[in-house]
Amino acid sequence: MPTILKDFEKWKTFLESRVEQAKKAGMSDEAIAQLAYQIGNFLAEKVDPENREERLLKELWDVATEDERKTLARVIIKFVERS
């Protein structure tokens, strides 16, 4: 996964394909958003951002409340879906 994290466009494409797979597997939008929130928490705690875009996302995540993080996770899903 480190290669994916070094290039923001690859990261977006990777996320988009995972969202598509989840939808094809029958996951609801709410379940996908909850999973995105959990992944966001994991990445913020365990993974050092590899580029400026990911650093910005981490900084936003770090200052956000729990509800704001859930909203941010949903916004990121929308962002990668329209890529």
PDB file of N, CA and C in Angstrom:
ATOM      1  N   MET A   1       0.795  -1.203   0.000  1.00  0.00           N
ATOM      2  CA  MET A   1       0.000   0.000   0.000  1.00  0.00           C
ATOM      3  C   MET A   1       0.843   1.275   0.000  1.00  0.00           C
ATOM      4  N   PRO A   2       2.083   1.276   0.462  1.00  0.00           N
ATOM      5  CA  PRO A   2       2.859   2.509   0.449  1.00  0.00           C
ATOM      6  C   PRO A   2       2.968   3.159  -0.927  1.00  0.00           C
ATOM      7  N   THR A   3       3.049   2.392  -2.006  1.00  0.00           N
ATOM      8  CA  THR A   3       3.128   2.970  -3.340  1.00  0.00           C
ATOM      9  C   THR A   3       1.868   3.770  -3.647  1.00  0.00           C
ATOM     10  N   ILE A   4       0.734   3.266  -3.263  1.00  0.00           N
ATOM     11  CA  ILE A   4      -0.538   3.955  -3.486  1.00  0.00           C
ATOM     12  C   ILE A   4      -0.554   5.283  -2.736  1.00  0.00           C
ATOM     13  N   LEU A   5      -0.014   5.289  -1.529  1.00  0.00           N
ATOM     14  CA  LEU A   5      -0.058   6.493  -0.713  1.00  0.00           C
ATOM     15  C   LEU A   5       0.860   7.597  -1.220  1.00  0.00           C
ATOM     16  N   LYS A   6       1.848   7.269  -2.022  1.00  0.00           N
ATOM     17  CA  LYS A   6       2.787   8.284  -2.499  1.00  0.00           C
ATOM     18  C   LYS A   6       2.205   9.130  -3.622  1.00  0.00           C
ATOM     19  N   ASP A   7       1.230   8.620  -4.333  1.00  0.00           N
ATOM     20  CA  ASP A   7       0.636   9.336  -5.462  1.00  0.00           C
ATOM     21  C   ASP A   7      -0.848   9.538  -5.174  1.00  0.00           C
ATOM     22  N   PHE A   8      -1.269  10.787  -5.032  1.00  0.00           N
ATOM     23  CA  PHE A   8      -2.644  11.081  -4.643  1.00  0.00           C
ATOM     24  C   PHE A   8      -3.653  10.592  -5.674  1.00  0.00           C
ATOM     25  N   GLU A   9      -3.332  10.699  -6.953  1.00  0.00           N
ATOM     26  CA  GLU A   9      -4.254  10.226  -7.996  1.00  0.00           C
ATOM     27  C   GLU A   9      -4.439   8.714  -7.905  1.00  0.00           C
ATOM     28  N   LYS A  10      -3.370   7.989  -7.643  1.00  0.00           N
ATOM     29  CA  LYS A  10      -3.482   6.532  -7.466  1.00  0.00           C
ATOM     30  C   LYS A  10      -4.319   6.217  -6.231  1.00  0.00           C
ATOM     31  N   TRP A  11      -4.135   7.000  -5.184  1.00  0.00           N
ATOM     32  CA  TRP A  11      -4.885   6.805  -3.956  1.00  0.00           C
ATOM     33  C   TRP A  11      -6.379   7.000  -4.210  1.00  0.00           C
ATOM     34  N   LYS A  12      -6.733   8.070  -4.950  1.00  0.00           N
ATOM     35  CA  LYS A  12      -8.144   8.315  -5.274  1.00  0.00           C
ATOM     36  C   LYS A  12      -8.719   7.174  -6.109  1.00  0.00           C
ATOM     37  N   THR A  13      -7.960   6.723  -7.103  1.00  0.00           N
ATOM     38  CA  THR A  13      -8.417   5.623  -7.954  1.00  0.00           C
ATOM     39  C   THR A  13      -8.603   4.354  -7.134  1.00  0.00           C
ATOM     40  N   PHE A  14      -7.672   4.090  -6.238  1.00  0.00           N
ATOM     41  CA  PHE A  14      -7.756   2.928  -5.354  1.00  0.00           C
ATOM     42  C   PHE A  14      -9.027   2.996  -4.509  1.00  0.00           C
ATOM     43  N   LEU A  15      -9.278   4.149  -3.892  1.00  0.00           N
ATOM     44  CA  LEU A  15     -10.478   4.298  -3.065  1.00  0.00           C
ATOM     45  C   LEU A  15     -11.753   4.166  -3.886  1.00  0.00           C
ATOM     46  N   GLU A  16     -11.752   4.768  -5.064  1.00  0.00           N
ATOM     47  CA  GLU A  16     -12.928   4.685  -5.930  1.00  0.00           C
ATOM     48  C   GLU A  16     -13.251   3.233  -6.263  1.00  0.00           C
ATOM     49  N   SER A  17     -12.233   2.455  -6.586  1.00  0.00           N
ATOM     50  CA  SER A  17     -12.480   1.052  -6.933  1.00  0.00           C
ATOM     51  C   SER A  17     -12.984   0.270  -5.725  1.00  0.00           C
ATOM     52  N   ARG A  18     -12.510   0.602  -4.531  1.00  0.00           N
ATOM     53  CA  ARG A  18     -12.978  -0.094  -3.326  1.00  0.00           C
ATOM     54  C   ARG A  18     -14.426   0.276  -3.005  1.00  0.00           C
ATOM     55  N   VAL A  19     -14.789   1.520  -3.226  1.00  0.00           N
ATOM     56  CA  VAL A  19     -16.184   1.929  -3.007  1.00  0.00           C
ATOM     57  C   VAL A  19     -17.085   1.200  -3.996  1.00  0.00           C
ATOM     58  N   GLU A  20     -16.668   1.129  -5.257  1.00  0.00           N
ATOM     59  CA  GLU A  20     -17.450   0.406  -6.269  1.00  0.00           C
ATOM     60  C   GLU A  20     -17.603  -1.062  -5.891  1.00  0.00           C
ATOM     61  N   GLN A  21     -16.525  -1.694  -5.439  1.00  0.00           N
ATOM     62  CA  GLN A  21     -16.589  -3.097  -5.024  1.00  0.00           C
ATOM     63  C   GLN A  21     -17.563  -3.276  -3.865  1.00  0.00           C
ATOM     64  N   ALA A  22     -17.519  -2.369  -2.911  1.00  0.00           N
ATOM     65  CA  ALA A  22     -18.413  -2.464  -1.757  1.00  0.00           C
ATOM     66  C   ALA A  22     -19.872  -2.352  -2.186  1.00  0.00           C
ATOM     67  N   LYS A  23     -20.160  -1.434  -3.103  1.00  0.00           N
ATOM     68  CA  LYS A  23     -21.536  -1.277  -3.587  1.00  0.00           C
ATOM     69  C   LYS A  23     -21.992  -2.513  -4.355  1.00  0.00           C
ATOM     70  N   LYS A  24     -21.106  -3.066  -5.185  1.00  0.00           N
ATOM     71  CA  LYS A  24     -21.447  -4.277  -5.937  1.00  0.00           C
ATOM     72  C   LYS A  24     -21.680  -5.458  -5.007  1.00  0.00           C
ATOM     73  N   ALA A  25     -21.000  -5.449  -3.862  1.00  0.00           N
ATOM     74  CA  ALA A  25     -21.167  -6.525  -2.884  1.00  0.00           C
ATOM     75  C   ALA A  25     -22.430  -6.336  -2.046  1.00  0.00           C
ATOM     76  N   GLY A  26     -23.130  -5.213  -2.262  1.00  0.00           N
ATOM     77  CA  GLY A  26     -24.390  -4.992  -1.568  1.00  0.00           C
ATOM     78  C   GLY A  26     -24.308  -4.144  -0.315  1.00  0.00           C
ATOM     79  N   MET A  27     -23.174  -3.531  -0.057  1.00  0.00           N
ATOM     80  CA  MET A  27     -23.065  -2.670   1.124  1.00  0.00           C
ATOM     81  C   MET A  27     -23.876  -1.394   0.914  1.00  0.00           C
ATOM     82  N   SER A  28     -24.539  -0.958   1.959  1.00  0.00           N
ATOM     83  CA  SER A  28     -25.303   0.292   1.895  1.00  0.00           C
ATOM     84  C   SER A  28     -24.349   1.484   1.957  1.00  0.00           C
ATOM     85  N   ASP A  29     -24.852   2.637   1.540  1.00  0.00           N
ATOM     86  CA  ASP A  29     -24.049   3.857   1.626  1.00  0.00           C
ATOM     87  C   ASP A  29     -23.647   4.140   3.071  1.00  0.00           C
ATOM     88  N   GLU A  30     -24.560   3.873   3.998  1.00  0.00           N
ATOM     89  CA  GLU A  30     -24.264   4.102   5.418  1.00  0.00           C
ATOM     90  C   GLU A  30     -23.147   3.178   5.904  1.00  0.00           C
ATOM     91  N   ALA A  31     -23.183   1.915   5.489  1.00  0.00           N
ATOM     92  CA  ALA A  31     -22.132   0.968   5.885  1.00  0.00           C
ATOM     93  C   ALA A  31     -20.783   1.375   5.294  1.00  0.00           C
ATOM     94  N   ILE A  32     -20.794   1.835   4.060  1.00  0.00           N
ATOM     95  CA  ILE A  32     -19.558   2.288   3.411  1.00  0.00           C
ATOM     96  C   ILE A  32     -19.016   3.516   4.138  1.00  0.00           C
ATOM     97  N   ALA A  33     -19.888   4.441   4.499  1.00  0.00           N
ATOM     98  CA  ALA A  33     -19.464   5.647   5.214  1.00  0.00           C
ATOM     99  C   ALA A  33     -18.878   5.292   6.579  1.00  0.00           C
ATOM    100  N   GLN A  34     -19.494   4.343   7.269  1.00  0.00           N
ATOM    101  CA  GLN A  34     -18.986   3.918   8.581  1.00  0.00           C
ATOM    102  C   GLN A  34     -17.611   3.278   8.435  1.00  0.00           C
ATOM    103  N   LEU A  35     -17.445   2.464   7.415  1.00  0.00           N
ATOM    104  CA  LEU A  35     -16.148   1.838   7.160  1.00  0.00           C
ATOM    105  C   LEU A  35     -15.100   2.897   6.809  1.00  0.00           C
ATOM    106  N   ALA A  36     -15.480   3.875   6.001  1.00  0.00           N
ATOM    107  CA  ALA A  36     -14.559   4.963   5.643  1.00  0.00           C
ATOM    108  C   ALA A  36     -14.130   5.729   6.893  1.00  0.00           C
ATOM    109  N   TYR A  37     -15.051   5.940   7.799  1.00  0.00           N
ATOM    110  CA  TYR A  37     -14.743   6.616   9.061  1.00  0.00           C
ATOM    111  C   TYR A  37     -13.727   5.805   9.870  1.00  0.00           C
ATOM    112  N   GLN A  38     -13.947   4.503   9.966  1.00  0.00           N
ATOM    113  CA  GLN A  38     -13.031   3.638  10.711  1.00  0.00           C
ATOM    114  C   GLN A  38     -11.648   3.609  10.065  1.00  0.00           C
ATOM    115  N   ILE A  39     -11.612   3.544   8.744  1.00  0.00           N
ATOM    116  CA  ILE A  39     -10.333   3.561   8.029  1.00  0.00           C
ATOM    117  C   ILE A  39      -9.641   4.904   8.240  1.00  0.00           C
ATOM    118  N   GLY A  40     -10.402   5.986   8.195  1.00  0.00           N
ATOM    119  CA  GLY A  40      -9.834   7.308   8.447  1.00  0.00           C
ATOM    120  C   GLY A  40      -9.183   7.394   9.817  1.00  0.00           C
ATOM    121  N   ASN A  41      -9.840   6.851  10.824  1.00  0.00           N
ATOM    122  CA  ASN A  41      -9.256   6.829  12.168  1.00  0.00           C
ATOM    123  C   ASN A  41      -7.958   6.040  12.188  1.00  0.00           C
ATOM    124  N   PHE A  42      -7.971   4.876  11.556  1.00  0.00           N
ATOM    125  CA  PHE A  42      -6.769   4.041  11.509  1.00  0.00           C
ATOM    126  C   PHE A  42      -5.621   4.780  10.827  1.00  0.00           C
ATOM    127  N   LEU A  43      -5.895   5.348   9.649  1.00  0.00           N
ATOM    128  CA  LEU A  43      -4.845   6.044   8.905  1.00  0.00           C
ATOM    129  C   LEU A  43      -4.301   7.237   9.693  1.00  0.00           C
ATOM    130  N   ALA A  44      -5.188   7.985  10.329  1.00  0.00           N
ATOM    131  CA  ALA A  44      -4.757   9.157  11.094  1.00  0.00           C
ATOM    132  C   ALA A  44      -3.854   8.769  12.258  1.00  0.00           C
ATOM    133  N   GLU A  45      -4.123   7.609  12.850  1.00  0.00           N
ATOM    134  CA  GLU A  45      -3.350   7.169  14.009  1.00  0.00           C
ATOM    135  C   GLU A  45      -2.072   6.428  13.636  1.00  0.00           C
ATOM    136  N   LYS A  46      -2.083   5.689  12.523  1.00  0.00           N
ATOM    137  CA  LYS A  46      -1.001   4.737  12.252  1.00  0.00           C
ATOM    138  C   LYS A  46      -0.141   5.031  11.031  1.00  0.00           C
ATOM    139  N   VAL A  47      -0.615   5.863  10.110  1.00  0.00           N
ATOM    140  CA  VAL A  47       0.090   6.031   8.840  1.00  0.00           C
ATOM    141  C   VAL A  47       0.522   7.486   8.672  1.00  0.00           C
ATOM    142  N   ASP A  48       1.801   7.666   8.363  1.00  0.00           N
ATOM    143  CA  ASP A  48       2.323   9.004   8.105  1.00  0.00           C
ATOM    144  C   ASP A  48       1.962   9.407   6.680  1.00  0.00           C
ATOM    145  N   PRO A  49       1.352  10.576   6.487  1.00  0.00           N
ATOM    146  CA  PRO A  49       0.985  11.010   5.132  1.00  0.00           C
ATOM    147  C   PRO A  49       2.201  11.055   4.213  1.00  0.00           C
ATOM    148  N   GLU A  50       1.987  10.623   2.963  1.00  0.00           N
ATOM    149  CA  GLU A  50       3.079  10.535   1.997  1.00  0.00           C
ATOM    150  C   GLU A  50       3.144  11.732   1.054  1.00  0.00           C
ATOM    151  N   ASN A  51       2.117  12.576   1.054  1.00  0.00           N
ATOM    152  CA  ASN A  51       2.121  13.725   0.149  1.00  0.00           C
ATOM    153  C   ASN A  51       1.313  14.862   0.779  1.00  0.00           C
ATOM    154  N   ARG A  52       1.336  16.010   0.139  1.00  0.00           N
ATOM    155  CA  ARG A  52       0.699  17.191   0.744  1.00  0.00           C
ATOM    156  C   ARG A  52      -0.817  17.055   0.851  1.00  0.00           C
ATOM    157  N   GLU A  53      -1.445  16.374  -0.115  1.00  0.00           N
ATOM    158  CA  GLU A  53      -2.904  16.197  -0.055  1.00  0.00           C
ATOM    159  C   GLU A  53      -3.294  15.330   1.136  1.00  0.00           C
ATOM    160  N   GLU A  54      -2.552  14.265   1.349  1.00  0.00           N
ATOM    161  CA  GLU A  54      -2.847  13.392   2.484  1.00  0.00           C
ATOM    162  C   GLU A  54      -2.535  14.085   3.809  1.00  0.00           C
ATOM    163  N   ARG A  55      -1.511  14.929   3.810  1.00  0.00           N
ATOM    164  CA  ARG A  55      -1.195  15.684   5.022  1.00  0.00           C
ATOM    165  C   ARG A  55      -2.349  16.639   5.361  1.00  0.00           C
ATOM    166  N   LEU A  56      -2.912  17.279   4.349  1.00  0.00           N
ATOM    167  CA  LEU A  56      -4.065  18.158   4.567  1.00  0.00           C
ATOM    168  C   LEU A  56      -5.244  17.366   5.127  1.00  0.00           C
ATOM    169  N   LEU A  57      -5.526  16.203   4.542  1.00  0.00           N
ATOM    170  CA  LEU A  57      -6.625  15.377   5.045  1.00  0.00           C
ATOM    171  C   LEU A  57      -6.383  14.982   6.500  1.00  0.00           C
ATOM    172  N   LYS A  58      -5.152  14.617   6.829  1.00  0.00           N
ATOM    173  CA  LYS A  58      -4.836  14.245   8.212  1.00  0.00           C
ATOM    174  C   LYS A  58      -5.031  15.432   9.151  1.00  0.00           C
ATOM    175  N   GLU A  59      -4.577  16.608   8.728  1.00  0.00           N
ATOM    176  CA  GLU A  59      -4.740  17.790   9.578  1.00  0.00           C
ATOM    177  C   GLU A  59      -6.217  18.118   9.789  1.00  0.00           C
ATOM    178  N   LEU A  60      -7.022  17.988   8.737  1.00  0.00           N
ATOM    179  CA  LEU A  60      -8.464  18.196   8.879  1.00  0.00           C
ATOM    180  C   LEU A  60      -9.058  17.170   9.836  1.00  0.00           C
ATOM    181  N   TRP A  61      -8.652  15.906   9.666  1.00  0.00           N
ATOM    182  CA  TRP A  61      -9.150  14.822  10.517  1.00  0.00           C
ATOM    183  C   TRP A  61      -8.792  15.094  11.977  1.00  0.00           C
ATOM    184  N   ASP A  62      -7.553  15.533  12.202  1.00  0.00           N
ATOM    185  CA  ASP A  62      -7.072  15.745  13.568  1.00  0.00           C
ATOM    186  C   ASP A  62      -7.829  16.847  14.309  1.00  0.00           C
ATOM    187  N   VAL A  63      -8.279  17.878  13.610  1.00  0.00           N
ATOM    188  CA  VAL A  63      -8.983  18.975  14.290  1.00  0.00           C
ATOM    189  C   VAL A  63     -10.497  18.763  14.341  1.00  0.00           C
ATOM    190  N   ALA A  64     -10.996  17.789  13.610  1.00  0.00           N
ATOM    191  CA  ALA A  64     -12.442  17.562  13.520  1.00  0.00           C
ATOM    192  C   ALA A  64     -12.976  16.817  14.743  1.00  0.00           C
ATOM    193  N   THR A  65     -14.242  17.090  15.052  1.00  0.00           N
ATOM    194  CA  THR A  65     -14.945  16.306  16.064  1.00  0.00           C
ATOM    195  C   THR A  65     -15.338  14.966  15.435  1.00  0.00           C
ATOM    196  N   GLU A  66     -15.875  14.072  16.240  1.00  0.00           N
ATOM    197  CA  GLU A  66     -16.307  12.777  15.713  1.00  0.00           C
ATOM    198  C   GLU A  66     -17.349  12.949  14.606  1.00  0.00           C
ATOM    199  N   ASP A  67     -18.341  13.802  14.833  1.00  0.00           N
ATOM    200  CA  ASP A  67     -19.369  14.029  13.810  1.00  0.00           C
ATOM    201  C   ASP A  67     -18.773  14.638  12.546  1.00  0.00           C
ATOM    202  N   GLU A  68     -17.845  15.565  12.718  1.00  0.00           N
ATOM    203  CA  GLU A  68     -17.196  16.170  11.553  1.00  0.00           C
ATOM    204  C   GLU A  68     -16.366  15.146  10.786  1.00  0.00           C
ATOM    205  N   ARG A  69     -15.728  14.227  11.508  1.00  0.00           N
ATOM    206  CA  ARG A  69     -14.962  13.163  10.848  1.00  0.00           C
ATOM    207  C   ARG A  69     -15.880  12.261  10.029  1.00  0.00           C
ATOM    208  N   LYS A  70     -17.041  11.958  10.571  1.00  0.00           N
ATOM    209  CA  LYS A  70     -18.001  11.137   9.825  1.00  0.00           C
ATOM    210  C   LYS A  70     -18.444  11.866   8.563  1.00  0.00           C
ATOM    211  N   THR A  71     -18.663  13.170   8.681  1.00  0.00           N
ATOM    212  CA  THR A  71     -19.019  13.973   7.507  1.00  0.00           C
ATOM    213  C   THR A  71     -17.867  14.002   6.516  1.00  0.00           C
ATOM    214  N   LEU A  72     -16.665  14.186   7.001  1.00  0.00           N
ATOM    215  CA  LEU A  72     -15.491  14.205   6.125  1.00  0.00           C
ATOM    216  C   LEU A  72     -15.334  12.874   5.394  1.00  0.00           C
ATOM    217  N   ALA A  73     -15.579  11.772   6.071  1.00  0.00           N
ATOM    218  CA  ALA A  73     -15.507  10.457   5.424  1.00  0.00           C
ATOM    219  C   ALA A  73     -16.512  10.375   4.276  1.00  0.00           C
ATOM    220  N   ARG A  74     -17.724  10.878   4.503  1.00  0.00           N
ATOM    221  CA  ARG A  74     -18.745  10.880   3.442  1.00  0.00           C
ATOM    222  C   ARG A  74     -18.339  11.782   2.276  1.00  0.00           C
ATOM    223  N   VAL A  75     -17.762  12.924   2.592  1.00  0.00           N
ATOM    224  CA  VAL A  75     -17.321  13.853   1.545  1.00  0.00           C
ATOM    225  C   VAL A  75     -16.205  13.222   0.714  1.00  0.00           C
ATOM    226  N   ILE A  76     -15.287  12.539   1.353  1.00  0.00           N
ATOM    227  CA  ILE A  76     -14.199  11.876   0.621  1.00  0.00           C
ATOM    228  C   ILE A  76     -14.764  10.803  -0.299  1.00  0.00           C
ATOM    229  N   ILE A  77     -15.766  10.064   0.154  1.00  0.00           N
ATOM    230  CA  ILE A  77     -16.406   9.061  -0.705  1.00  0.00           C
ATOM    231  C   ILE A  77     -17.001   9.745  -1.932  1.00  0.00           C
ATOM    232  N   LYS A  78     -17.736  10.822  -1.733  1.00  0.00           N
ATOM    233  CA  LYS A  78     -18.315  11.557  -2.870  1.00  0.00           C
ATOM    234  C   LYS A  78     -17.225  12.063  -3.805  1.00  0.00           C
ATOM    235  N   PHE A  79     -16.145  12.545  -3.235  1.00  0.00           N
ATOM    236  CA  PHE A  79     -15.027  13.075  -4.009  1.00  0.00           C
ATOM    237  C   PHE A  79     -14.421  12.007  -4.919  1.00  0.00           C
ATOM    238  N   VAL A  80     -14.174  10.820  -4.378  1.00  0.00           N
ATOM    239  CA  VAL A  80     -13.554   9.778  -5.215  1.00  0.00           C
ATOM    240  C   VAL A  80     -14.545   9.183  -6.204  1.00  0.00           C
ATOM    241  N   GLU A  81     -15.829   9.199  -5.882  1.00  0.00           N
ATOM    242  CA  GLU A  81     -16.829   8.663  -6.810  1.00  0.00           C
ATOM    243  C   GLU A  81     -16.959   9.519  -8.060  1.00  0.00           C
ATOM    244  N   ARG A  82     -16.711  10.801  -7.959  1.00  0.00           N
ATOM    245  CA  ARG A  82     -16.848  11.645  -9.140  1.00  0.00           C
ATOM    246  C   ARG A  82     -15.535  11.841  -9.883  1.00  0.00           C
ATOM    247  N   SER A  83     -14.511  11.180  -9.437  1.00  0.00           N
ATOM    248  CA  SER A  83     -13.203  11.273 -10.115  1.00  0.00           C
ATOM    249  C   SER A  83     -13.209  10.529 -11.430  1.00  0.00           C
TER     250      SER A  83
END
